[in-house]
Amino acid sequence: MAQQAARKSKPSLPPDAAAIHRQVLLGLAGMRARGFHFPGYFLNIDWPVIGDDHVEGTMAVGPQSTNADGTLNLAAFGVLLDTAVAITSRLKAPSGWHQATVQLHAQFTGRPMCGSLSVTARHEGHTTGSGVQQAVLRATVSSGGETVCHATSAFIHLPLPPGAASRPPPRQRVRVGDLEPLSVAELDAGERKVVRACDIALRRADSERAFVEHFWSVLPRPARGGARCDVSLGAQFGNRAGVVQGGLLFGLAAATAQVAAPRHKQLSSLSAWFIGGGRGTRLTVRSNVVHAGRSIAVVRTEIKRADGARVLETLSHHAA
């Protein structure tokens, strides 16, 4: 009887658990290859067009990227957008240099994000008059043929630190369609931690919170004056440099800001300023309502590391 009760109480996995598990193993394969980063391969993002000054990308929305209500998770959207402008910035970067996101602004149209998404990003040139040039980028994200977001961004290019390995140009990096998922037997210790995080997220997923919300800790909750999200970091958050991928930071801030303004459910726009690298074992996301009127709310969000260092700051507008 006790064994039967234990079997009954064991949480059931989502019906798409096998497909999600495969995407994790595919993302890990991408990390081993001359590719981009784990989040991009995990989300099945592809880059069919990489031109001289623009790129075109696609992302098929699936169980690894949707919330419990079927909408696209903002962290997944952030990865697509940030990666598009980052790749485009690299097209004009000096050989052997690295880059960092300075600013990313997204203006949403209010149209739903579902099904396959496409993104086009274009290099608009460089700033002048300062010691460090900034690359200026512009992007448009569409879903089902309808524009869902207009965006602008800026990157700086810096010399590689001593001993750092140079990355291959975007056109030489492995595309997701050329990868085969790793087998569990060939995983190293770090890769097994990512698979364990996947398994934990699958067990925790339910009708209220989907897999991706647990996998990337997109679990904001109301707090005094706004909302808060505590994020336990793992390798599934990282870019090629080992810090939290910028689009994930953008998405965590956006999701937390939405919880801070529950009467204003439509995210209208969000401007993000990247201040420091997301390192360590934990991040804290804190959103505070600056203004909440009848039609519009304004929310300020900060992301900080465990040592108190600021990583990201955003200001977002929300419509009732």
C-alpha atoms as a PDB file:
ATOM      1  CA  MET A   1       0.000   0.000   0.000  1.00  0.00           C
ATOM      2  CA  ALA A   2       2.801   2.402   0.893  1.00  0.00           C
ATOM      3  CA  GLN A   3       4.534   1.701  -2.433  1.00  0.00           C
ATOM      4  CA  GLN A   4       1.278   2.323  -4.311  1.00  0.00           C
ATOM      5  CA  ALA A   5       0.789   5.623  -2.498  1.00  0.00           C
ATOM      6  CA  ALA A   6       4.354   6.662  -3.341  1.00  0.00           C
ATOM      7  CA  ARG A   7       3.792   5.848  -7.003  1.00  0.00           C
ATOM      8  CA  LYS A   8       0.560   7.870  -7.018  1.00  0.00           C
ATOM      9  CA  SER A   9       2.217  10.871  -5.394  1.00  0.00           C
ATOM     10  CA  LYS A  10       5.151  10.907  -7.815  1.00  0.00           C
ATOM     11  CA  PRO A  11       4.770  13.988 -10.051  1.00  0.00           C
ATOM     12  CA  SER A  12       4.078  13.258 -13.696  1.00  0.00           C
ATOM     13  CA  LEU A  13       6.322  14.775 -16.346  1.00  0.00           C
ATOM     14  CA  PRO A  14       4.965  17.105 -19.041  1.00  0.00           C
ATOM     15  CA  PRO A  15       3.889  15.303 -22.230  1.00  0.00           C
ATOM     16  CA  ASP A  16       6.689  17.037 -24.133  1.00  0.00           C
ATOM     17  CA  ALA A  17       9.425  16.028 -21.669  1.00  0.00           C
ATOM     18  CA  ALA A  18      11.307  13.911 -24.218  1.00  0.00           C
ATOM     19  CA  ALA A  19      11.335  16.728 -26.771  1.00  0.00           C
ATOM     20  CA  ILE A  20      12.565  19.215 -24.161  1.00  0.00           C
ATOM     21  CA  HIS A  21      15.274  16.822 -23.000  1.00  0.00           C
ATOM     22  CA  ARG A  22      16.446  16.475 -26.597  1.00  0.00           C
ATOM     23  CA  GLN A  23      16.695  20.251 -26.942  1.00  0.00           C
ATOM     24  CA  VAL A  24      18.914  20.414 -23.858  1.00  0.00           C
ATOM     25  CA  LEU A  25      21.250  17.788 -25.313  1.00  0.00           C
ATOM     26  CA  LEU A  26      21.226  19.681 -28.615  1.00  0.00           C
ATOM     27  CA  GLY A  27      22.173  22.892 -26.817  1.00  0.00           C
ATOM     28  CA  LEU A  28      25.072  21.138 -25.118  1.00  0.00           C
ATOM     29  CA  ALA A  29      26.252  19.824 -28.489  1.00  0.00           C
ATOM     30  CA  GLY A  30      26.245  23.396 -29.769  1.00  0.00           C
ATOM     31  CA  MET A  31      28.437  24.485 -26.876  1.00  0.00           C
ATOM     32  CA  ARG A  32      31.040  21.891 -27.880  1.00  0.00           C
ATOM     33  CA  ALA A  33      30.966  22.940 -31.522  1.00  0.00           C
ATOM     34  CA  ARG A  34      32.208  26.169 -33.056  1.00  0.00           C
ATOM     35  CA  GLY A  35      28.845  27.694 -32.318  1.00  0.00           C
ATOM     36  CA  PHE A  36      27.067  30.502 -30.556  1.00  0.00           C
ATOM     37  CA  HIS A  37      25.780  29.709 -27.038  1.00  0.00           C
ATOM     38  CA  PHE A  38      23.653  27.136 -25.212  1.00  0.00           C
ATOM     39  CA  PRO A  39      20.439  29.239 -24.970  1.00  0.00           C
ATOM     40  CA  GLY A  40      20.352  29.810 -28.729  1.00  0.00           C
ATOM     41  CA  TYR A  41      20.750  26.161 -29.698  1.00  0.00           C
ATOM     42  CA  PHE A  42      18.401  25.029 -26.929  1.00  0.00           C
ATOM     43  CA  LEU A  43      15.708  27.339 -28.330  1.00  0.00           C
ATOM     44  CA  ASN A  44      16.318  26.030 -31.878  1.00  0.00           C
ATOM     45  CA  ILE A  45      17.303  29.433 -33.242  1.00  0.00           C
ATOM     46  CA  ASP A  46      18.704  29.346 -36.768  1.00  0.00           C
ATOM     47  CA  TRP A  47      20.410  31.967 -38.946  1.00  0.00           C
ATOM     48  CA  PRO A  48      19.644  31.202 -42.607  1.00  0.00           C
ATOM     49  CA  VAL A  49      20.904  34.614 -43.782  1.00  0.00           C
ATOM     50  CA  ILE A  50      24.123  36.256 -42.565  1.00  0.00           C
ATOM     51  CA  GLY A  51      24.976  39.090 -44.926  1.00  0.00           C
ATOM     52  CA  ASP A  52      27.607  41.817 -44.866  1.00  0.00           C
ATOM     53  CA  ASP A  53      25.587  44.185 -42.681  1.00  0.00           C
ATOM     54  CA  HIS A  54      22.426  42.282 -41.704  1.00  0.00           C
ATOM     55  CA  VAL A  55      21.148  38.907 -40.497  1.00  0.00           C
ATOM     56  CA  GLU A  56      17.862  37.042 -40.635  1.00  0.00           C
ATOM     57  CA  GLY A  57      16.970  34.493 -37.967  1.00  0.00           C
ATOM     58  CA  THR A  58      14.126  32.147 -37.065  1.00  0.00           C
ATOM     59  CA  MET A  59      12.871  30.496 -33.901  1.00  0.00           C
ATOM     60  CA  ALA A  60      10.120  27.876 -33.822  1.00  0.00           C
ATOM     61  CA  VAL A  61       8.238  28.329 -30.558  1.00  0.00           C
ATOM     62  CA  GLY A  62       7.980  24.977 -28.762  1.00  0.00           C
ATOM     63  CA  PRO A  63       7.497  23.380 -25.337  1.00  0.00           C
ATOM     64  CA  GLN A  64      10.994  24.452 -24.298  1.00  0.00           C
ATOM     65  CA  SER A  65      10.128  28.144 -24.740  1.00  0.00           C
ATOM     66  CA  THR A  66       6.466  28.647 -23.792  1.00  0.00           C
ATOM     67  CA  ASN A  67       4.765  29.553 -20.536  1.00  0.00           C
ATOM     68  CA  ALA A  68       1.961  27.501 -19.027  1.00  0.00           C
ATOM     69  CA  ASP A  69      -0.626  29.618 -20.890  1.00  0.00           C
ATOM     70  CA  GLY A  70       1.063  28.932 -24.243  1.00  0.00           C
ATOM     71  CA  THR A  71       2.611  32.379 -24.669  1.00  0.00           C
ATOM     72  CA  LEU A  72       6.268  32.801 -25.518  1.00  0.00           C
ATOM     73  CA  ASN A  73       8.415  33.219 -22.432  1.00  0.00           C
ATOM     74  CA  LEU A  74      10.065  36.639 -22.318  1.00  0.00           C
ATOM     75  CA  ALA A  75      13.453  35.087 -21.577  1.00  0.00           C
ATOM     76  CA  ALA A  76      13.245  33.118 -24.836  1.00  0.00           C
ATOM     77  CA  PHE A  77      12.204  36.261 -26.711  1.00  0.00           C
ATOM     78  CA  GLY A  78      15.128  38.135 -25.167  1.00  0.00           C
ATOM     79  CA  VAL A  79      17.616  35.495 -26.337  1.00  0.00           C
ATOM     80  CA  LEU A  80      16.348  35.732 -29.926  1.00  0.00           C
ATOM     81  CA  LEU A  81      16.460  39.538 -30.005  1.00  0.00           C
ATOM     82  CA  ASP A  82      19.786  39.987 -28.242  1.00  0.00           C
ATOM     83  CA  THR A  83      21.505  37.284 -30.296  1.00  0.00           C
ATOM     84  CA  ALA A  84      20.283  38.832 -33.553  1.00  0.00           C
ATOM     85  CA  VAL A  85      21.778  42.239 -32.808  1.00  0.00           C
ATOM     86  CA  ALA A  86      24.933  40.675 -31.328  1.00  0.00           C
ATOM     87  CA  ILE A  87      25.631  38.641 -34.481  1.00  0.00           C
ATOM     88  CA  THR A  88      25.003  41.701 -36.642  1.00  0.00           C
ATOM     89  CA  SER A  89      27.390  43.770 -34.541  1.00  0.00           C
ATOM     90  CA  ARG A  90      30.109  41.141 -35.015  1.00  0.00           C
ATOM     91  CA  LEU A  91      29.879  41.503 -38.796  1.00  0.00           C
ATOM     92  CA  LYS A  92      31.679  44.851 -38.489  1.00  0.00           C
ATOM     93  CA  ALA A  93      33.836  44.098 -35.434  1.00  0.00           C
ATOM     94  CA  PRO A  94      37.642  44.234 -35.728  1.00  0.00           C
ATOM     95  CA  SER A  95      39.177  40.785 -36.104  1.00  0.00           C
ATOM     96  CA  GLY A  96      40.186  39.250 -32.780  1.00  0.00           C
ATOM     97  CA  TRP A  97      38.189  41.675 -30.638  1.00  0.00           C
ATOM     98  CA  HIS A  98      35.284  40.908 -28.322  1.00  0.00           C
ATOM     99  CA  GLN A  99      32.122  42.907 -27.725  1.00  0.00           C
ATOM    100  CA  ALA A 100      29.653  43.799 -25.002  1.00  0.00           C
ATOM    101  CA  THR A 101      26.047  44.975 -25.109  1.00  0.00           C
ATOM    102  CA  VAL A 102      25.616  48.555 -23.938  1.00  0.00           C
ATOM    103  CA  GLN A 103      21.911  49.193 -24.454  1.00  0.00           C
ATOM    104  CA  LEU A 104      18.834  47.435 -25.847  1.00  0.00           C
ATOM    105  CA  HIS A 105      15.451  49.059 -26.401  1.00  0.00           C
ATOM    106  CA  ALA A 106      12.353  47.121 -27.454  1.00  0.00           C
ATOM    107  CA  GLN A 107       9.053  48.673 -28.533  1.00  0.00           C
ATOM    108  CA  PHE A 108       6.273  46.074 -28.580  1.00  0.00           C
ATOM    109  CA  THR A 109       3.263  46.339 -30.890  1.00  0.00           C
ATOM    110  CA  GLY A 110       0.897  44.316 -28.701  1.00  0.00           C
ATOM    111  CA  ARG A 111       0.459  41.557 -31.259  1.00  0.00           C
ATOM    112  CA  PRO A 112       0.759  38.023 -29.809  1.00  0.00           C
ATOM    113  CA  MET A 113       4.004  36.061 -30.092  1.00  0.00           C
ATOM    114  CA  CYS A 114       3.135  32.514 -31.100  1.00  0.00           C
ATOM    115  CA  GLY A 115       4.225  29.938 -33.656  1.00  0.00           C
ATOM    116  CA  SER A 116       7.421  30.614 -35.559  1.00  0.00           C
ATOM    117  CA  LEU A 117       9.200  33.910 -34.978  1.00  0.00           C
ATOM    118  CA  SER A 118      11.517  35.654 -37.406  1.00  0.00           C
ATOM    119  CA  VAL A 119      13.966  38.472 -36.778  1.00  0.00           C
ATOM    120  CA  THR A 120      15.857  40.803 -39.096  1.00  0.00           C
ATOM    121  CA  ALA A 121      18.707  42.920 -37.733  1.00  0.00           C
ATOM    122  CA  ARG A 122      20.775  45.533 -39.557  1.00  0.00           C
ATOM    123  CA  HIS A 123      24.015  47.332 -38.773  1.00  0.00           C
ATOM    124  CA  GLU A 124      23.413  51.108 -38.856  1.00  0.00           C
ATOM    125  CA  GLY A 125      27.031  52.239 -38.424  1.00  0.00           C
ATOM    126  CA  HIS A 126      29.197  53.455 -35.540  1.00  0.00           C
ATOM    127  CA  THR A 127      29.123  56.420 -33.208  1.00  0.00           C
ATOM    128  CA  THR A 128      31.868  59.053 -33.345  1.00  0.00           C
ATOM    129  CA  GLY A 129      33.397  61.596 -30.991  1.00  0.00           C
ATOM    130  CA  SER A 130      34.305  59.301 -28.088  1.00  0.00           C
ATOM    131  CA  GLY A 131      37.237  57.102 -27.132  1.00  0.00           C
ATOM    132  CA  VAL A 132      35.213  53.911 -27.544  1.00  0.00           C
ATOM    133  CA  GLN A 133      33.048  53.521 -30.629  1.00  0.00           C
ATOM    134  CA  GLN A 134      29.599  51.985 -30.327  1.00  0.00           C
ATOM    135  CA  ALA A 135      28.008  49.885 -33.057  1.00  0.00           C
ATOM    136  CA  VAL A 136      24.369  50.883 -33.607  1.00  0.00           C
ATOM    137  CA  LEU A 137      21.891  48.147 -34.591  1.00  0.00           C
ATOM    138  CA  ARG A 138      18.222  48.036 -35.534  1.00  0.00           C
ATOM    139  CA  ALA A 139      15.973  44.950 -35.494  1.00  0.00           C
ATOM    140  CA  THR A 140      12.407  43.851 -36.178  1.00  0.00           C
ATOM    141  CA  VAL A 141      10.785  40.691 -34.783  1.00  0.00           C
ATOM    142  CA  SER A 142       7.726  39.173 -36.476  1.00  0.00           C
ATOM    143  CA  SER A 143       5.309  36.372 -35.622  1.00  0.00           C
ATOM    144  CA  GLY A 144       2.924  34.893 -38.156  1.00  0.00           C
ATOM    145  CA  GLY A 145       3.802  37.657 -40.600  1.00  0.00           C
ATOM    146  CA  GLU A 146       2.895  40.395 -38.087  1.00  0.00           C
ATOM    147  CA  THR A 147       5.483  42.677 -36.495  1.00  0.00           C
ATOM    148  CA  VAL A 148       5.602  42.149 -32.740  1.00  0.00           C
ATOM    149  CA  CYS A 149       8.618  44.279 -31.826  1.00  0.00           C
ATOM    150  CA  HIS A 150      10.857  47.058 -33.114  1.00  0.00           C
ATOM    151  CA  ALA A 151      14.251  47.314 -31.408  1.00  0.00           C
ATOM    152  CA  THR A 152      17.470  49.295 -31.345  1.00  0.00           C
ATOM    153  CA  SER A 153      20.711  48.355 -29.639  1.00  0.00           C
ATOM    154  CA  ALA A 154      24.320  49.418 -29.134  1.00  0.00           C
ATOM    155  CA  PHE A 155      27.507  47.392 -28.639  1.00  0.00           C
ATOM    156  CA  ILE A 156      31.108  48.295 -27.892  1.00  0.00           C
ATOM    157  CA  HIS A 157      34.098  46.448 -29.360  1.00  0.00           C
ATOM    158  CA  LEU A 158      37.110  45.903 -27.102  1.00  0.00           C
ATOM    159  CA  PRO A 159      40.476  44.138 -27.476  1.00  0.00           C
ATOM    160  CA  LEU A 160      40.523  40.561 -26.227  1.00  0.00           C
ATOM    161  CA  PRO A 161      41.931  40.148 -22.707  1.00  0.00           C
ATOM    162  CA  PRO A 162      45.371  38.452 -22.565  1.00  0.00           C
ATOM    163  CA  GLY A 163      45.037  34.695 -23.009  1.00  0.00           C
ATOM    164  CA  ALA A 164      41.426  34.804 -24.218  1.00  0.00           C
ATOM    165  CA  ALA A 165      40.585  32.721 -27.278  1.00  0.00           C
ATOM    166  CA  SER A 166      39.323  34.460 -30.395  1.00  0.00           C
ATOM    167  CA  ARG A 167      35.876  33.382 -31.623  1.00  0.00           C
ATOM    168  CA  PRO A 168      35.179  32.274 -35.183  1.00  0.00           C
ATOM    169  CA  PRO A 169      33.267  34.686 -37.457  1.00  0.00           C
ATOM    170  CA  PRO A 170      29.456  34.249 -37.463  1.00  0.00           C
ATOM    171  CA  ARG A 171      29.396  32.548 -40.879  1.00  0.00           C
ATOM    172  CA  GLN A 172      31.800  29.845 -39.682  1.00  0.00           C
ATOM    173  CA  ARG A 173      29.741  28.844 -36.661  1.00  0.00           C
ATOM    174  CA  VAL A 174      27.726  25.642 -36.634  1.00  0.00           C
ATOM    175  CA  ARG A 175      24.013  25.984 -37.384  1.00  0.00           C
ATOM    176  CA  VAL A 176      21.479  24.145 -35.256  1.00  0.00           C
ATOM    177  CA  GLY A 177      20.353  21.977 -38.182  1.00  0.00           C
ATOM    178  CA  ASP A 178      23.869  20.542 -38.509  1.00  0.00           C
ATOM    179  CA  LEU A 179      23.980  19.305 -34.903  1.00  0.00           C
ATOM    180  CA  GLU A 180      23.098  15.985 -33.338  1.00  0.00           C
ATOM    181  CA  PRO A 181      22.156  15.889 -29.642  1.00  0.00           C
ATOM    182  CA  LEU A 182      24.809  14.512 -27.309  1.00  0.00           C
ATOM    183  CA  SER A 183      24.157  11.177 -25.667  1.00  0.00           C
ATOM    184  CA  VAL A 184      23.823  11.108 -21.900  1.00  0.00           C
ATOM    185  CA  ALA A 185      26.751   8.702 -21.679  1.00  0.00           C
ATOM    186  CA  GLU A 186      29.213  11.196 -23.193  1.00  0.00           C
ATOM    187  CA  LEU A 187      28.352  14.174 -20.961  1.00  0.00           C
ATOM    188  CA  ASP A 188      31.017  15.688 -18.745  1.00  0.00           C
ATOM    189  CA  ALA A 189      30.390  16.833 -15.162  1.00  0.00           C
ATOM    190  CA  GLY A 190      29.349  20.370 -16.132  1.00  0.00           C
ATOM    191  CA  GLU A 191      26.985  19.135 -18.831  1.00  0.00           C
ATOM    192  CA  ARG A 192      25.375  16.689 -16.413  1.00  0.00           C
ATOM    193  CA  LYS A 193      24.529  19.614 -14.140  1.00  0.00           C
ATOM    194  CA  VAL A 194      22.562  21.197 -16.971  1.00  0.00           C
ATOM    195  CA  VAL A 195      20.679  17.934 -17.570  1.00  0.00           C
ATOM    196  CA  ARG A 196      19.926  17.700 -13.841  1.00  0.00           C
ATOM    197  CA  ALA A 197      18.578  21.253 -13.919  1.00  0.00           C
ATOM    198  CA  CYS A 198      16.397  20.178 -16.844  1.00  0.00           C
ATOM    199  CA  ASP A 199      15.094  17.144 -14.943  1.00  0.00           C
ATOM    200  CA  ILE A 200      14.298  19.252 -11.872  1.00  0.00           C
ATOM    201  CA  ALA A 201      12.459  21.825 -13.991  1.00  0.00           C
ATOM    202  CA  LEU A 202      10.448  19.089 -15.719  1.00  0.00           C
ATOM    203  CA  ARG A 203       9.370  17.653 -12.357  1.00  0.00           C
ATOM    204  CA  ARG A 204       8.362  21.091 -11.071  1.00  0.00           C
ATOM    205  CA  ALA A 205       6.428  22.135 -14.173  1.00  0.00           C
ATOM    206  CA  ASP A 206       2.648  22.235 -13.748  1.00  0.00           C
ATOM    207  CA  SER A 207      -0.439  24.073 -15.001  1.00  0.00           C
ATOM    208  CA  GLU A 208       0.730  27.265 -13.283  1.00  0.00           C
ATOM    209  CA  ARG A 209       4.436  27.343 -14.186  1.00  0.00           C
ATOM    210  CA  ALA A 210       5.894  25.717 -17.299  1.00  0.00           C
ATOM    211  CA  PHE A 211       9.267  24.053 -17.742  1.00  0.00           C
ATOM    212  CA  VAL A 212      11.107  27.103 -19.074  1.00  0.00           C
ATOM    213  CA  GLU A 213      10.005  29.214 -16.114  1.00  0.00           C
ATOM    214  CA  HIS A 214      11.709  26.797 -13.727  1.00  0.00           C
ATOM    215  CA  PHE A 215      14.696  26.064 -15.984  1.00  0.00           C
ATOM    216  CA  TRP A 216      15.671  29.742 -16.201  1.00  0.00           C
ATOM    217  CA  SER A 217      14.178  30.798 -12.840  1.00  0.00           C
ATOM    218  CA  VAL A 218      11.665  33.146 -14.470  1.00  0.00           C
ATOM    219  CA  LEU A 219       9.569  33.008 -11.301  1.00  0.00           C
ATOM    220  CA  PRO A 220       8.867  36.595 -10.230  1.00  0.00           C
ATOM    221  CA  ARG A 221       6.549  37.269  -7.313  1.00  0.00           C
ATOM    222  CA  PRO A 222       4.897  40.386  -5.913  1.00  0.00           C
ATOM    223  CA  ALA A 223       6.925  42.308  -3.348  1.00  0.00           C
ATOM    224  CA  ARG A 224       6.539  45.575  -1.491  1.00  0.00           C
ATOM    225  CA  GLY A 225       6.509  48.384  -4.016  1.00  0.00           C
ATOM    226  CA  GLY A 226       6.700  46.043  -7.016  1.00  0.00           C
ATOM    227  CA  ALA A 227       8.082  42.551  -7.602  1.00  0.00           C
ATOM    228  CA  ARG A 228      11.143  40.378  -7.036  1.00  0.00           C
ATOM    229  CA  CYS A 229      12.779  37.377  -8.713  1.00  0.00           C
ATOM    230  CA  ASP A 230      15.600  35.298  -7.214  1.00  0.00           C
ATOM    231  CA  VAL A 231      17.692  33.461  -9.787  1.00  0.00           C
ATOM    232  CA  SER A 232      19.987  30.515  -9.045  1.00  0.00           C
ATOM    233  CA  LEU A 233      22.520  30.441 -11.848  1.00  0.00           C
ATOM    234  CA  GLY A 234      23.829  27.419 -13.745  1.00  0.00           C
ATOM    235  CA  ALA A 235      25.530  26.705 -17.055  1.00  0.00           C
ATOM    236  CA  GLN A 236      22.163  26.823 -18.856  1.00  0.00           C
ATOM    237  CA  PHE A 237      22.258  30.635 -18.466  1.00  0.00           C
ATOM    238  CA  GLY A 238      25.689  31.204 -19.961  1.00  0.00           C
ATOM    239  CA  ASN A 239      27.028  32.650 -23.173  1.00  0.00           C
ATOM    240  CA  ARG A 240      30.365  31.711 -24.746  1.00  0.00           C
ATOM    241  CA  ALA A 241      32.192  33.919 -22.241  1.00  0.00           C
ATOM    242  CA  GLY A 242      30.641  32.137 -19.259  1.00  0.00           C
ATOM    243  CA  VAL A 243      28.441  35.032 -18.089  1.00  0.00           C
ATOM    244  CA  VAL A 244      24.650  35.171 -18.230  1.00  0.00           C
ATOM    245  CA  GLN A 245      23.476  35.648 -21.820  1.00  0.00           C
ATOM    246  CA  GLY A 246      22.247  39.215 -22.280  1.00  0.00           C
ATOM    247  CA  GLY A 247      18.845  38.252 -23.661  1.00  0.00           C
ATOM    248  CA  LEU A 248      18.125  36.199 -20.540  1.00  0.00           C
ATOM    249  CA  LEU A 249      18.878  39.247 -18.388  1.00  0.00           C
ATOM    250  CA  PHE A 250      16.510  41.281 -20.579  1.00  0.00           C
ATOM    251  CA  GLY A 251      13.766  38.638 -20.249  1.00  0.00           C
ATOM    252  CA  LEU A 252      14.137  38.247 -16.475  1.00  0.00           C
ATOM    253  CA  ALA A 253      13.818  42.009 -16.045  1.00  0.00           C
ATOM    254  CA  ALA A 254      10.788  42.198 -18.360  1.00  0.00           C
ATOM    255  CA  ALA A 255       8.955  39.328 -16.659  1.00  0.00           C
ATOM    256  CA  THR A 256       9.563  40.756 -13.194  1.00  0.00           C
ATOM    257  CA  ALA A 257       8.440  44.225 -14.286  1.00  0.00           C
ATOM    258  CA  GLN A 258       5.177  42.743 -15.582  1.00  0.00           C
ATOM    259  CA  VAL A 259       4.407  41.244 -12.169  1.00  0.00           C
ATOM    260  CA  ALA A 260       5.126  44.622 -10.548  1.00  0.00           C
ATOM    261  CA  ALA A 261       2.326  46.240 -12.605  1.00  0.00           C
ATOM    262  CA  PRO A 262      -0.537  43.706 -12.526  1.00  0.00           C
ATOM    263  CA  ARG A 263      -3.233  46.208 -13.580  1.00  0.00           C
ATOM    264  CA  HIS A 264      -1.257  47.144 -16.687  1.00  0.00           C
ATOM    265  CA  LYS A 265      -0.892  43.797 -18.400  1.00  0.00           C
ATOM    266  CA  GLN A 266       0.554  44.830 -21.765  1.00  0.00           C
ATOM    267  CA  LEU A 267       4.293  45.426 -21.897  1.00  0.00           C
ATOM    268  CA  SER A 268       4.605  48.434 -24.207  1.00  0.00           C
ATOM    269  CA  SER A 269       8.345  49.085 -24.187  1.00  0.00           C
ATOM    270  CA  LEU A 270      11.486  48.292 -22.256  1.00  0.00           C
ATOM    271  CA  SER A 271      14.886  49.994 -22.313  1.00  0.00           C
ATOM    272  CA  ALA A 272      17.789  48.075 -20.794  1.00  0.00           C
ATOM    273  CA  TRP A 273      21.272  49.315 -19.888  1.00  0.00           C
ATOM    274  CA  PHE A 274      23.929  46.624 -19.434  1.00  0.00           C
ATOM    275  CA  ILE A 275      26.294  47.555 -16.619  1.00  0.00           C
ATOM    276  CA  GLY A 276      28.220  44.428 -15.566  1.00  0.00           C
ATOM    277  CA  GLY A 277      28.547  40.709 -16.228  1.00  0.00           C
ATOM    278  CA  GLY A 278      26.108  38.248 -14.686  1.00  0.00           C
ATOM    279  CA  ARG A 279      28.522  36.072 -12.707  1.00  0.00           C
ATOM    280  CA  GLY A 280      28.448  33.984  -9.563  1.00  0.00           C
ATOM    281  CA  THR A 281      25.769  31.653  -8.272  1.00  0.00           C
ATOM    282  CA  ARG A 282      22.825  33.987  -7.811  1.00  0.00           C
ATOM    283  CA  LEU A 283      21.130  37.090  -9.197  1.00  0.00           C
ATOM    284  CA  THR A 284      18.403  39.208  -7.645  1.00  0.00           C
ATOM    285  CA  VAL A 285      15.886  40.995  -9.850  1.00  0.00           C
ATOM    286  CA  ARG A 286      13.965  43.824  -8.172  1.00  0.00           C
ATOM    287  CA  SER A 287      11.229  45.888  -9.848  1.00  0.00           C
ATOM    288  CA  ASN A 288       9.784  49.062  -8.337  1.00  0.00           C
ATOM    289  CA  VAL A 289       6.757  50.931  -9.656  1.00  0.00           C
ATOM    290  CA  VAL A 290       7.697  54.513 -10.510  1.00  0.00           C
ATOM    291  CA  HIS A 291       4.216  55.502 -11.672  1.00  0.00           C
ATOM    292  CA  ALA A 292       0.870  53.704 -11.934  1.00  0.00           C
ATOM    293  CA  GLY A 293      -1.858  55.715 -13.613  1.00  0.00           C
ATOM    294  CA  ARG A 294      -5.156  54.806 -15.172  1.00  0.00           C
ATOM    295  CA  SER A 295      -3.630  53.925 -18.556  1.00  0.00           C
ATOM    296  CA  ILE A 296       0.144  53.676 -18.124  1.00  0.00           C
ATOM    297  CA  ALA A 297       2.551  52.284 -15.525  1.00  0.00           C
ATOM    298  CA  VAL A 298       6.291  52.887 -15.410  1.00  0.00           C
ATOM    299  CA  VAL A 299       8.557  50.338 -13.716  1.00  0.00           C
ATOM    300  CA  ARG A 300      12.263  50.527 -12.882  1.00  0.00           C
ATOM    301  CA  THR A 301      14.092  47.198 -12.568  1.00  0.00           C
ATOM    302  CA  GLU A 302      17.571  46.342 -11.316  1.00  0.00           C
ATOM    303  CA  ILE A 303      19.458  43.065 -11.533  1.00  0.00           C
ATOM    304  CA  LYS A 304      22.289  42.594  -9.049  1.00  0.00           C
ATOM    305  CA  ARG A 305      24.795  39.866  -8.264  1.00  0.00           C
ATOM    306  CA  ALA A 306      25.118  38.263  -4.846  1.00  0.00           C
ATOM    307  CA  ASP A 307      27.954  40.679  -4.007  1.00  0.00           C
ATOM    308  CA  GLY A 308      25.679  43.644  -4.700  1.00  0.00           C
ATOM    309  CA  ALA A 309      27.280  44.609  -8.021  1.00  0.00           C
ATOM    310  CA  ARG A 310      24.763  45.932 -10.520  1.00  0.00           C
ATOM    311  CA  VAL A 311      24.370  43.938 -13.746  1.00  0.00           C
ATOM    312  CA  LEU A 312      21.402  45.495 -15.556  1.00  0.00           C
ATOM    313  CA  GLU A 313      18.986  48.363 -15.161  1.00  0.00           C
ATOM    314  CA  THR A 314      15.760  48.794 -17.114  1.00  0.00           C
ATOM    315  CA  LEU A 315      12.869  51.203 -17.423  1.00  0.00           C
ATOM    316  CA  SER A 316       9.636  49.806 -18.840  1.00  0.00           C
ATOM    317  CA  HIS A 317       6.206  51.154 -19.844  1.00  0.00           C
ATOM    318  CA  HIS A 318       3.079  49.047 -19.345  1.00  0.00           C
ATOM    319  CA  ALA A 319      -0.416  49.707 -20.728  1.00  0.00           C
ATOM    320  CA  ALA A 320      -3.740  48.867 -19.086  1.00  0.00           C
END
